[in-house]
Each structure stands twice: as structure tokens, then as C-alpha cells.
Amino acid sequence: MSFVINETTLQKVDDKLLQELFLKTRSKINSAESKKNINYSYLKSLQIDMCYLQREIDMRSKSTRRGQQ
């Protein structure tokens, strides 16, 4: 699946896809960091995507915890 990762798109995906995107992005970051010739702009864009993913996961977990109380 290819789309832009931002607040709007992440709010629309289900938990399973969110987890899959998180794992794939983390894997791409690890791979990019391990290469000798690092493309820093690509790495930075992946890190920004990761921030959006982590924020959405955090927001969902907070709303789930509020619902349990």
C-alpha cells in the first residue's frame, strides 16, 4: 500500500494496518541507517513518518485506556 503518512490518513486506518506500517517503517529506518552511503533526506522522511505513526498509536492507546475507566 502506498500513501502519504500524515494525521488524516492514519486516523482512517485500522489497528492492524497501523501496526504493519509501524513495523515496515521501523525496518526501513534500520536498513537505511546500516548502509554506508546514507541518504539523509530519505532517512529524515522515514523518521518523520515514524513520529506520525507513534503519535497515532499513542493517541489510540490513551483513548482505549479512558474507555476502560
Protein backbone atom coordinates (compact mmCIF):
# COMPACT_ATOMS: atom_id res chain seq x y z
CA MET A 1 0.00 0.00 0.00
CA SER A 2 1.44 3.35 -0.98
CA PHE A 3 0.12 6.57 0.51
CA VAL A 4 1.31 9.62 2.35
CA ILE A 5 1.61 9.15 6.09
CA ASN A 6 0.05 12.07 7.93
CA GLU A 7 -2.52 12.68 10.68
CA THR A 8 -5.51 12.45 8.36
CA THR A 9 -4.56 9.19 6.64
CA LEU A 10 -3.53 7.49 9.88
CA GLN A 11 -6.85 8.29 11.56
CA LYS A 12 -8.61 6.32 8.81
CA VAL A 13 -6.58 3.08 9.00
CA ASP A 14 -7.41 0.19 11.30
CA ASP A 15 -5.15 -1.01 14.10
CA LYS A 16 -3.75 -3.94 12.13
CA LEU A 17 -2.63 -1.75 9.22
CA LEU A 18 -1.23 0.83 11.65
CA GLN A 19 0.90 -1.87 13.27
CA GLU A 20 2.05 -3.11 9.86
CA LEU A 21 3.04 0.40 8.79
CA PHE A 22 4.92 0.88 12.05
CA LEU A 23 6.93 -2.32 11.57
CA LYS A 24 7.70 -1.62 7.90
CA THR A 25 8.80 1.93 8.63
CA ARG A 26 10.99 0.81 11.54
CA SER A 27 12.55 -1.82 9.27
CA LYS A 28 13.27 0.75 6.55
CA ILE A 29 14.89 3.09 9.10
CA ASN A 30 17.12 0.29 10.40
CA SER A 31 18.09 -0.66 6.87
CA ALA A 32 18.84 2.93 5.86
CA GLU A 33 20.95 3.53 8.96
CA SER A 34 23.05 0.42 8.37
CA LYS A 35 24.12 1.43 4.85
CA LYS A 36 27.46 3.12 4.26
CA ASN A 37 26.05 5.72 1.87
CA ILE A 38 23.15 7.09 3.87
CA ASN A 39 20.57 9.14 2.01
CA TYR A 40 19.86 11.60 4.82
CA SER A 41 16.77 13.16 3.25
CA TYR A 42 15.18 9.70 2.84
CA LEU A 43 16.11 8.77 6.40
CA LYS A 44 14.67 12.02 7.73
CA SER A 45 11.38 11.46 5.89
CA LEU A 46 11.17 7.95 7.38
CA GLN A 47 11.82 9.33 10.85
CA ILE A 48 9.06 11.90 10.37
CA ASP A 49 6.70 9.13 9.26
CA MET A 50 7.65 7.20 12.39
CA CYS A 51 6.75 10.19 14.55
CA TYR A 52 3.29 10.33 12.99
CA LEU A 53 2.84 6.58 13.49
CA GLN A 54 3.95 6.68 17.12
CA ARG A 55 1.70 9.66 17.82
CA GLU A 56 -1.34 7.88 16.36
CA ILE A 57 -0.58 4.71 18.32
CA ASP A 58 -0.19 6.74 21.50
CA MET A 59 -3.45 8.62 20.91
CA ARG A 60 -5.32 5.36 20.31
CA SER A 61 -3.90 3.74 23.41
CA LYS A 62 -4.88 6.78 25.52
CA SER A 63 -8.44 6.72 24.20
CA THR A 64 -8.65 2.98 24.90
CA ARG A 65 -7.44 3.49 28.47
CA ARG A 66 -10.01 6.24 29.02
CA GLY A 67 -12.76 3.93 27.79
CA GLN A 68 -11.77 1.25 30.33
CA GLN A 69 -12.01 3.58 33.31
